[in-house]
């Protein structure tokens, strides 16, 4: 919702945590009470690939937890070294 509400302009950097569309649909469809119609509404409200272009950093959670965790140190190093470059 950060991009959809324009609040991304109030931060120095944006880290987007995302997964492939297939994984997103699989995860969301497992939520209690989720219907295909509700899922369609959720996906329609999201910004889609525009978020990927607007984010400074992206963490892809499509894989397992270890693969996700390996992405974080690089981003933390970049943020620590940037100091107001964003």
PDB file of N, CA and C in Angstrom:
ATOM      1  N   UNK A   1       0.812  -1.200   0.000  1.00  0.00           N
ATOM      2  CA  UNK A   1       0.000   0.000   0.000  1.00  0.00           C
ATOM      3  C   UNK A   1       0.861   1.273   0.000  1.00  0.00           C
ATOM      4  N   UNK A   2       2.135   1.125   0.216  1.00  0.00           N
ATOM      5  CA  UNK A   2       3.020   2.289   0.277  1.00  0.00           C
ATOM      6  C   UNK A   2       2.977   3.087  -1.023  1.00  0.00           C
ATOM      7  N   UNK A   3       3.094   2.413  -2.142  1.00  0.00           N
ATOM      8  CA  UNK A   3       3.072   3.100  -3.437  1.00  0.00           C
ATOM      9  C   UNK A   3       1.667   3.589  -3.783  1.00  0.00           C
ATOM     10  N   UNK A   4       0.675   2.754  -3.494  1.00  0.00           N
ATOM     11  CA  UNK A   4      -0.694   3.095  -3.853  1.00  0.00           C
ATOM     12  C   UNK A   4      -1.184   4.357  -3.133  1.00  0.00           C
ATOM     13  N   UNK A   5      -0.658   4.608  -1.945  1.00  0.00           N
ATOM     14  CA  UNK A   5      -1.071   5.787  -1.173  1.00  0.00           C
ATOM     15  C   UNK A   5      -0.115   6.968  -1.321  1.00  0.00           C
ATOM     16  N   UNK A   6       1.005   6.779  -2.028  1.00  0.00           N
ATOM     17  CA  UNK A   6       1.961   7.865  -2.224  1.00  0.00           C
ATOM     18  C   UNK A   6       2.920   8.058  -1.065  1.00  0.00           C
ATOM     19  N   UNK A   7       2.857   7.191  -0.063  1.00  0.00           N
ATOM     20  CA  UNK A   7       3.730   7.343   1.095  1.00  0.00           C
ATOM     21  C   UNK A   7       5.188   6.986   0.801  1.00  0.00           C
ATOM     22  N   UNK A   8       5.444   6.399  -0.353  1.00  0.00           N
ATOM     23  CA  UNK A   8       6.829   6.105  -0.717  1.00  0.00           C
ATOM     24  C   UNK A   8       7.652   7.377  -0.840  1.00  0.00           C
ATOM     25  N   UNK A   9       6.997   8.494  -1.049  1.00  0.00           N
ATOM     26  CA  UNK A   9       7.720   9.778  -1.149  1.00  0.00           C
ATOM     27  C   UNK A   9       8.243  10.257   0.210  1.00  0.00           C
ATOM     28  N   UNK A  10       7.774   9.628   1.292  1.00  0.00           N
ATOM     29  CA  UNK A  10       8.164  10.037   2.633  1.00  0.00           C
ATOM     30  C   UNK A  10       9.312   9.218   3.213  1.00  0.00           C
ATOM     31  N   UNK A  11       9.884   8.325   2.427  1.00  0.00           N
ATOM     32  CA  UNK A  11      10.972   7.483   2.920  1.00  0.00           C
ATOM     33  C   UNK A  11      12.191   7.619   2.022  1.00  0.00           C
ATOM     34  N   UNK A  12      13.343   7.262   2.554  1.00  0.00           N
ATOM     35  CA  UNK A  12      14.592   7.378   1.795  1.00  0.00           C
ATOM     36  C   UNK A  12      14.797   6.237   0.811  1.00  0.00           C
ATOM     37  N   UNK A  13      14.336   5.059   1.165  1.00  0.00           N
ATOM     38  CA  UNK A  13      14.495   3.888   0.295  1.00  0.00           C
ATOM     39  C   UNK A  13      13.345   2.926   0.547  1.00  0.00           C
ATOM     40  N   UNK A  14      13.006   2.186  -0.478  1.00  0.00           N
ATOM     41  CA  UNK A  14      11.923   1.213  -0.381  1.00  0.00           C
ATOM     42  C   UNK A  14      12.487  -0.171  -0.672  1.00  0.00           C
ATOM     43  N   UNK A  15      12.230  -1.099   0.251  1.00  0.00           N
ATOM     44  CA  UNK A  15      12.579  -2.496   0.062  1.00  0.00           C
ATOM     45  C   UNK A  15      11.273  -3.233  -0.209  1.00  0.00           C
ATOM     46  N   UNK A  16      11.146  -3.775  -1.387  1.00  0.00           N
ATOM     47  CA  UNK A  16       9.947  -4.503  -1.782  1.00  0.00           C
ATOM     48  C   UNK A  16      10.169  -5.989  -1.541  1.00  0.00           C
ATOM     49  N   UNK A  17       9.268  -6.598  -0.786  1.00  0.00           N
ATOM     50  CA  UNK A  17       9.302  -8.034  -0.554  1.00  0.00           C
ATOM     51  C   UNK A  17       8.196  -8.625  -1.414  1.00  0.00           C
ATOM     52  N   UNK A  18       8.574  -9.506  -2.330  1.00  0.00           N
ATOM     53  CA  UNK A  18       7.610 -10.009  -3.294  1.00  0.00           C
ATOM     54  C   UNK A  18       7.865 -11.482  -3.599  1.00  0.00           C
ATOM     55  N   UNK A  19       6.959 -12.058  -4.344  1.00  0.00           N
ATOM     56  CA  UNK A  19       7.086 -13.434  -4.817  1.00  0.00           C
ATOM     57  C   UNK A  19       6.480 -13.496  -6.210  1.00  0.00           C
ATOM     58  N   UNK A  20       6.766 -14.559  -6.911  1.00  0.00           N
ATOM     59  CA  UNK A  20       6.186 -14.713  -8.239  1.00  0.00           C
ATOM     60  C   UNK A  20       4.667 -14.736  -8.132  1.00  0.00           C
ATOM     61  N   UNK A  21       4.009 -14.414  -9.220  1.00  0.00           N
ATOM     62  CA  UNK A  21       2.539 -14.394  -9.223  1.00  0.00           C
ATOM     63  C   UNK A  21       1.971 -15.764  -8.859  1.00  0.00           C
ATOM     64  N   UNK A  22       2.605 -16.799  -9.344  1.00  0.00           N
ATOM     65  CA  UNK A  22       2.147 -18.158  -9.044  1.00  0.00           C
ATOM     66  C   UNK A  22       2.217 -18.435  -7.547  1.00  0.00           C
ATOM     67  N   UNK A  23       3.336 -18.088  -6.924  1.00  0.00           N
ATOM     68  CA  UNK A  23       3.512 -18.305  -5.487  1.00  0.00           C
ATOM     69  C   UNK A  23       2.541 -17.433  -4.700  1.00  0.00           C
ATOM     70  N   UNK A  24       2.364 -16.179  -5.106  1.00  0.00           N
ATOM     71  CA  UNK A  24       1.424 -15.295  -4.417  1.00  0.00           C
ATOM     72  C   UNK A  24       0.022 -15.903  -4.417  1.00  0.00           C
ATOM     73  N   UNK A  25      -0.432 -16.325  -5.590  1.00  0.00           N
ATOM     74  CA  UNK A  25      -1.778 -16.893  -5.690  1.00  0.00           C
ATOM     75  C   UNK A  25      -1.917 -18.155  -4.837  1.00  0.00           C
ATOM     76  N   UNK A  26      -0.880 -18.975  -4.855  1.00  0.00           N
ATOM     77  CA  UNK A  26      -0.899 -20.207  -4.062  1.00  0.00           C
ATOM     78  C   UNK A  26      -1.001 -19.884  -2.569  1.00  0.00           C
ATOM     79  N   UNK A  27      -0.201 -18.934  -2.096  1.00  0.00           N
ATOM     80  CA  UNK A  27      -0.204 -18.577  -0.675  1.00  0.00           C
ATOM     81  C   UNK A  27      -1.518 -17.934  -0.258  1.00  0.00           C
ATOM     82  N   UNK A  28      -1.984 -16.998  -1.054  1.00  0.00           N
ATOM     83  CA  UNK A  28      -3.214 -16.284  -0.701  1.00  0.00           C
ATOM     84  C   UNK A  28      -4.418 -17.215  -0.739  1.00  0.00           C
ATOM     85  N   UNK A  29      -4.445 -18.126  -1.683  1.00  0.00           N
ATOM     86  CA  UNK A  29      -5.598 -19.030  -1.802  1.00  0.00           C
ATOM     87  C   UNK A  29      -5.721 -19.961  -0.603  1.00  0.00           C
ATOM     88  N   UNK A  30      -4.648 -20.121   0.169  1.00  0.00           N
ATOM     89  CA  UNK A  30      -4.677 -20.970   1.368  1.00  0.00           C
ATOM     90  C   UNK A  30      -5.232 -20.250   2.595  1.00  0.00           C
ATOM     91  N   UNK A  31      -5.453 -18.948   2.502  1.00  0.00           N
ATOM     92  CA  UNK A  31      -5.987 -18.204   3.642  1.00  0.00           C
ATOM     93  C   UNK A  31      -7.424 -18.641   3.925  1.00  0.00           C
ATOM     94  N   UNK A  32      -7.784 -18.705   5.201  1.00  0.00           N
ATOM     95  CA  UNK A  32      -9.160 -19.092   5.540  1.00  0.00           C
ATOM     96  C   UNK A  32     -10.184 -18.148   4.912  1.00  0.00           C
ATOM     97  N   UNK A  33     -11.188 -18.725   4.294  1.00  0.00           N
ATOM     98  CA  UNK A  33     -12.268 -17.926   3.714  1.00  0.00           C
ATOM     99  C   UNK A  33     -11.960 -17.287   2.376  1.00  0.00           C
ATOM    100  N   UNK A  34     -10.784 -17.550   1.835  1.00  0.00           N
ATOM    101  CA  UNK A  34     -10.413 -16.937   0.555  1.00  0.00           C
ATOM    102  C   UNK A  34     -11.186 -17.606  -0.582  1.00  0.00           C
ATOM    103  N   UNK A  35     -11.707 -16.782  -1.446  1.00  0.00           N
ATOM    104  CA  UNK A  35     -12.415 -17.270  -2.630  1.00  0.00           C
ATOM    105  C   UNK A  35     -11.694 -16.753  -3.872  1.00  0.00           C
ATOM    106  N   UNK A  36     -11.917 -17.379  -5.002  1.00  0.00           N
ATOM    107  CA  UNK A  36     -11.306 -16.868  -6.234  1.00  0.00           C
ATOM    108  C   UNK A  36     -11.735 -15.425  -6.527  1.00  0.00           C
ATOM    109  N   UNK A  37     -12.946 -15.084  -6.190  1.00  0.00           N
ATOM    110  CA  UNK A  37     -13.442 -13.720  -6.424  1.00  0.00           C
ATOM    111  C   UNK A  37     -12.708 -12.716  -5.540  1.00  0.00           C
ATOM    112  N   UNK A  38     -12.523 -13.067  -4.273  1.00  0.00           N
ATOM    113  CA  UNK A  38     -11.809 -12.164  -3.352  1.00  0.00           C
ATOM    114  C   UNK A  38     -10.352 -12.022  -3.782  1.00  0.00           C
ATOM    115  N   UNK A  39      -9.751 -13.114  -4.208  1.00  0.00           N
ATOM    116  CA  UNK A  39      -8.378 -13.063  -4.697  1.00  0.00           C
ATOM    117  C   UNK A  39      -8.269 -12.129  -5.900  1.00  0.00           C
ATOM    118  N   UNK A  40      -9.224 -12.192  -6.803  1.00  0.00           N
ATOM    119  CA  UNK A  40      -9.220 -11.313  -7.975  1.00  0.00           C
ATOM    120  C   UNK A  40      -9.279  -9.850  -7.569  1.00  0.00           C
ATOM    121  N   UNK A  41     -10.082  -9.535  -6.556  1.00  0.00           N
ATOM    122  CA  UNK A  41     -10.187  -8.154  -6.057  1.00  0.00           C
ATOM    123  C   UNK A  41      -8.859  -7.697  -5.471  1.00  0.00           C
ATOM    124  N   UNK A  42      -8.229  -8.552  -4.682  1.00  0.00           N
ATOM    125  CA  UNK A  42      -6.939  -8.213  -4.072  1.00  0.00           C
ATOM    126  C   UNK A  42      -5.903  -7.924  -5.158  1.00  0.00           C
ATOM    127  N   UNK A  43      -5.803  -8.804  -6.130  1.00  0.00           N
ATOM    128  CA  UNK A  43      -4.806  -8.627  -7.195  1.00  0.00           C
ATOM    129  C   UNK A  43      -5.080  -7.387  -8.032  1.00  0.00           C
ATOM    130  N   UNK A  44      -6.337  -7.074  -8.241  1.00  0.00           N
ATOM    131  CA  UNK A  44      -6.708  -5.896  -9.025  1.00  0.00           C
ATOM    132  C   UNK A  44      -6.296  -4.596  -8.339  1.00  0.00           C
ATOM    133  N   UNK A  45      -6.337  -4.577  -7.014  1.00  0.00           N
ATOM    134  CA  UNK A  45      -6.003  -3.371  -6.251  1.00  0.00           C
ATOM    135  C   UNK A  45      -4.509  -3.114  -6.170  1.00  0.00           C
ATOM    136  N   UNK A  46      -3.715  -4.135  -6.410  1.00  0.00           N
ATOM    137  CA  UNK A  46      -2.279  -3.974  -6.276  1.00  0.00           C
ATOM    138  C   UNK A  46      -1.688  -3.331  -7.518  1.00  0.00           C
ATOM    139  N   UNK A  47      -0.571  -2.675  -7.321  1.00  0.00           N
ATOM    140  CA  UNK A  47       0.084  -1.913  -8.369  1.00  0.00           C
ATOM    141  C   UNK A  47       0.785  -2.788  -9.401  1.00  0.00           C
ATOM    142  N   UNK A  48       1.093  -4.013  -9.067  1.00  0.00           N
ATOM    143  CA  UNK A  48       1.742  -4.911 -10.018  1.00  0.00           C
ATOM    144  C   UNK A  48       3.208  -4.603 -10.237  1.00  0.00           C
ATOM    145  N   UNK A  49       3.661  -4.747 -11.470  1.00  0.00           N
ATOM    146  CA  UNK A  49       5.089  -4.620 -11.779  1.00  0.00           C
ATOM    147  C   UNK A  49       5.610  -3.203 -11.587  1.00  0.00           C
ATOM    148  N   UNK A  50       4.743  -2.215 -11.492  1.00  0.00           N
ATOM    149  CA  UNK A  50       5.192  -0.852 -11.232  1.00  0.00           C
ATOM    150  C   UNK A  50       5.928  -0.736  -9.918  1.00  0.00           C
ATOM    151  N   UNK A  51       5.554  -1.560  -8.946  1.00  0.00           N
ATOM    152  CA  UNK A  51       6.242  -1.563  -7.657  1.00  0.00           C
ATOM    153  C   UNK A  51       7.688  -1.993  -7.842  1.00  0.00           C
ATOM    154  N   UNK A  52       7.887  -2.991  -8.667  1.00  0.00           N
ATOM    155  CA  UNK A  52       9.233  -3.497  -8.901  1.00  0.00           C
ATOM    156  C   UNK A  52      10.124  -2.407  -9.477  1.00  0.00           C
ATOM    157  N   UNK A  53       9.603  -1.638 -10.395  1.00  0.00           N
ATOM    158  CA  UNK A  53      10.392  -0.547 -10.990  1.00  0.00           C
ATOM    159  C   UNK A  53      10.626   0.593 -10.004  1.00  0.00           C
ATOM    160  N   UNK A  54       9.710   0.811  -9.068  1.00  0.00           N
ATOM    161  CA  UNK A  54       9.807   1.935  -8.148  1.00  0.00           C
ATOM    162  C   UNK A  54      10.651   1.630  -6.916  1.00  0.00           C
ATOM    163  N   UNK A  55      10.805   0.370  -6.566  1.00  0.00           N
ATOM    164  CA  UNK A  55      11.546  -0.003  -5.361  1.00  0.00           C
ATOM    165  C   UNK A  55      13.050   0.143  -5.570  1.00  0.00           C
ATOM    166  N   UNK A  56      13.735   0.505  -4.503  1.00  0.00           N
ATOM    167  CA  UNK A  56      15.195   0.589  -4.549  1.00  0.00           C
ATOM    168  C   UNK A  56      15.826  -0.795  -4.435  1.00  0.00           C
ATOM    169  N   UNK A  57      15.190  -1.672  -3.656  1.00  0.00           N
ATOM    170  CA  UNK A  57      15.692  -3.023  -3.418  1.00  0.00           C
ATOM    171  C   UNK A  57      14.513  -3.980  -3.461  1.00  0.00           C
ATOM    172  N   UNK A  58      14.782  -5.214  -3.891  1.00  0.00           N
ATOM    173  CA  UNK A  58      13.734  -6.226  -3.964  1.00  0.00           C
ATOM    174  C   UNK A  58      14.222  -7.501  -3.293  1.00  0.00           C
ATOM    175  N   UNK A  59      13.376  -8.046  -2.430  1.00  0.00           N
ATOM    176  CA  UNK A  59      13.620  -9.355  -1.832  1.00  0.00           C
ATOM    177  C   UNK A  59      12.587 -10.301  -2.421  1.00  0.00           C
ATOM    178  N   UNK A  60      13.061 -11.328  -3.106  1.00  0.00           N
ATOM    179  CA  UNK A  60      12.173 -12.308  -3.729  1.00  0.00           C
ATOM    180  C   UNK A  60      11.972 -13.468  -2.764  1.00  0.00           C
ATOM    181  N   UNK A  61      10.733 -13.660  -2.313  1.00  0.00           N
ATOM    182  CA  UNK A  61      10.422 -14.727  -1.360  1.00  0.00           C
ATOM    183  C   UNK A  61       9.816 -15.949  -2.036  1.00  0.00           C
ATOM    184  N   UNK A  62      10.001 -16.082  -3.339  1.00  0.00           N
ATOM    185  CA  UNK A  62       9.444 -17.225  -4.054  1.00  0.00           C
ATOM    186  C   UNK A  62      10.098 -18.542  -3.630  1.00  0.00           C
ATOM    187  N   UNK A  63      11.338 -18.476  -3.199  1.00  0.00           N
ATOM    188  CA  UNK A  63      12.058 -19.678  -2.787  1.00  0.00           C
ATOM    189  C   UNK A  63      11.851 -19.981  -1.319  1.00  0.00           C
ATOM    190  N   UNK A  64      12.771 -20.752  -0.765  1.00  0.00           N
ATOM    191  CA  UNK A  64      12.662 -21.112   0.646  1.00  0.00           C
ATOM    192  C   UNK A  64      13.216 -19.996   1.532  1.00  0.00           C
ATOM    193  N   UNK A  65      13.077 -20.189   2.836  1.00  0.00           N
ATOM    194  CA  UNK A  65      13.490 -19.171   3.802  1.00  0.00           C
ATOM    195  C   UNK A  65      14.988 -18.873   3.713  1.00  0.00           C
ATOM    196  N   UNK A  66      15.789 -19.901   3.487  1.00  0.00           N
ATOM    197  CA  UNK A  66      17.237 -19.691   3.377  1.00  0.00           C
ATOM    198  C   UNK A  66      17.574 -18.809   2.180  1.00  0.00           C
ATOM    199  N   UNK A  67      16.926 -19.040   1.053  1.00  0.00           N
ATOM    200  CA  UNK A  67      17.170 -18.225  -0.150  1.00  0.00           C
ATOM    201  C   UNK A  67      16.754 -16.779   0.095  1.00  0.00           C
ATOM    202  N   UNK A  68      15.656 -16.608   0.784  1.00  0.00           N
ATOM    203  CA  UNK A  68      15.210 -15.255   1.121  1.00  0.00           C
ATOM    204  C   UNK A  68      16.225 -14.580   2.037  1.00  0.00           C
ATOM    205  N   UNK A  69      16.673 -15.305   3.046  1.00  0.00           N
ATOM    206  CA  UNK A  69      17.618 -14.752   4.017  1.00  0.00           C
ATOM    207  C   UNK A  69      18.940 -14.339   3.398  1.00  0.00           C
ATOM    208  N   UNK A  70      19.367 -15.015   2.362  1.00  0.00           N
ATOM    209  CA  UNK A  70      20.639 -14.671   1.722  1.00  0.00           C
ATOM    210  C   UNK A  70      20.584 -13.327   0.997  1.00  0.00           C
ATOM    211  N   UNK A  71      19.419 -12.843   0.704  1.00  0.00           N
ATOM    212  CA  UNK A  71      19.271 -11.569  -0.005  1.00  0.00           C
ATOM    213  C   UNK A  71      19.399 -10.357   0.924  1.00  0.00           C
ATOM    214  N   UNK A  72      19.120 -10.557   2.184  1.00  0.00           N
ATOM    215  CA  UNK A  72      19.030  -9.441   3.132  1.00  0.00           C
ATOM    216  C   UNK A  72      20.366  -8.768   3.419  1.00  0.00           C
ATOM    217  N   UNK A  73      21.453  -9.491   3.676  1.00  0.00           N
ATOM    218  CA  UNK A  73      22.725  -8.816   3.994  1.00  0.00           C
ATOM    219  C   UNK A  73      23.183  -7.823   2.931  1.00  0.00           C
ATOM    220  N   UNK A  74      23.010  -8.173   1.656  1.00  0.00           N
ATOM    221  CA  UNK A  74      23.416  -7.259   0.571  1.00  0.00           C
ATOM    222  C   UNK A  74      22.662  -5.935   0.678  1.00  0.00           C
ATOM    223  N   UNK A  75      21.394  -6.019   0.958  1.00  0.00           N
ATOM    224  CA  UNK A  75      20.574  -4.807   1.063  1.00  0.00           C
ATOM    225  C   UNK A  75      20.981  -4.004   2.285  1.00  0.00           C
ATOM    226  N   UNK A  76      21.210  -4.670   3.399  1.00  0.00           N
ATOM    227  CA  UNK A  76      21.631  -3.966   4.614  1.00  0.00           C
ATOM    228  C   UNK A  76      22.968  -3.267   4.413  1.00  0.00           C
ATOM    229  N   UNK A  77      23.903  -3.939   3.734  1.00  0.00           N
ATOM    230  CA  UNK A  77      25.198  -3.299   3.446  1.00  0.00           C
ATOM    231  C   UNK A  77      25.011  -2.060   2.569  1.00  0.00           C
ATOM    232  N   UNK A  78      24.170  -2.166   1.564  1.00  0.00           N
ATOM    233  CA  UNK A  78      23.933  -1.034   0.663  1.00  0.00           C
ATOM    234  C   UNK A  78      23.297   0.120   1.420  1.00  0.00           C
ATOM    235  N   UNK A  79      22.347  -0.182   2.276  1.00  0.00           N
ATOM    236  CA  UNK A  79      21.689   0.884   3.046  1.00  0.00           C
ATOM    237  C   UNK A  79      22.660   1.525   4.030  1.00  0.00           C
ATOM    238  N   UNK A  80      23.484   0.723   4.662  1.00  0.00           N
ATOM    239  CA  UNK A  80      24.455   1.258   5.632  1.00  0.00           C
ATOM    240  C   UNK A  80      25.495   2.127   4.930  1.00  0.00           C
ATOM    241  N   UNK A  81      25.890   1.738   3.720  1.00  0.00           N
ATOM    242  CA  UNK A  81      26.895   2.499   2.991  1.00  0.00           C
ATOM    243  C   UNK A  81      26.358   3.703   2.275  1.00  0.00           C
ATOM    244  N   UNK A  82      25.064   3.774   2.097  1.00  0.00           N
ATOM    245  CA  UNK A  82      24.470   4.855   1.311  1.00  0.00           C
ATOM    246  C   UNK A  82      24.412   6.172   2.044  1.00  0.00           C
ATOM    247  N   UNK A  83      24.023   6.159   3.281  1.00  0.00           N
ATOM    248  CA  UNK A  83      23.923   7.365   4.117  1.00  0.00           C
ATOM    249  C   UNK A  83      23.436   8.578   3.331  1.00  0.00           C
ATOM    250  N   UNK A  84      22.152   8.650   3.185  1.00  0.00           N
ATOM    251  CA  UNK A  84      21.471   9.798   2.553  1.00  0.00           C
ATOM    252  C   UNK A  84      21.692   9.920   1.048  1.00  0.00           C
ATOM    253  N   UNK A  85      22.049   8.854   0.377  1.00  0.00           N
ATOM    254  CA  UNK A  85      22.201   8.925  -1.074  1.00  0.00           C
ATOM    255  C   UNK A  85      20.882   8.741  -1.805  1.00  0.00           C
ATOM    256  N   UNK A  86      19.852   8.338  -1.101  1.00  0.00           N
ATOM    257  CA  UNK A  86      18.571   8.086  -1.750  1.00  0.00           C
ATOM    258  C   UNK A  86      17.757   9.340  -1.826  1.00  0.00           C
TER     259      UNK A  86
END
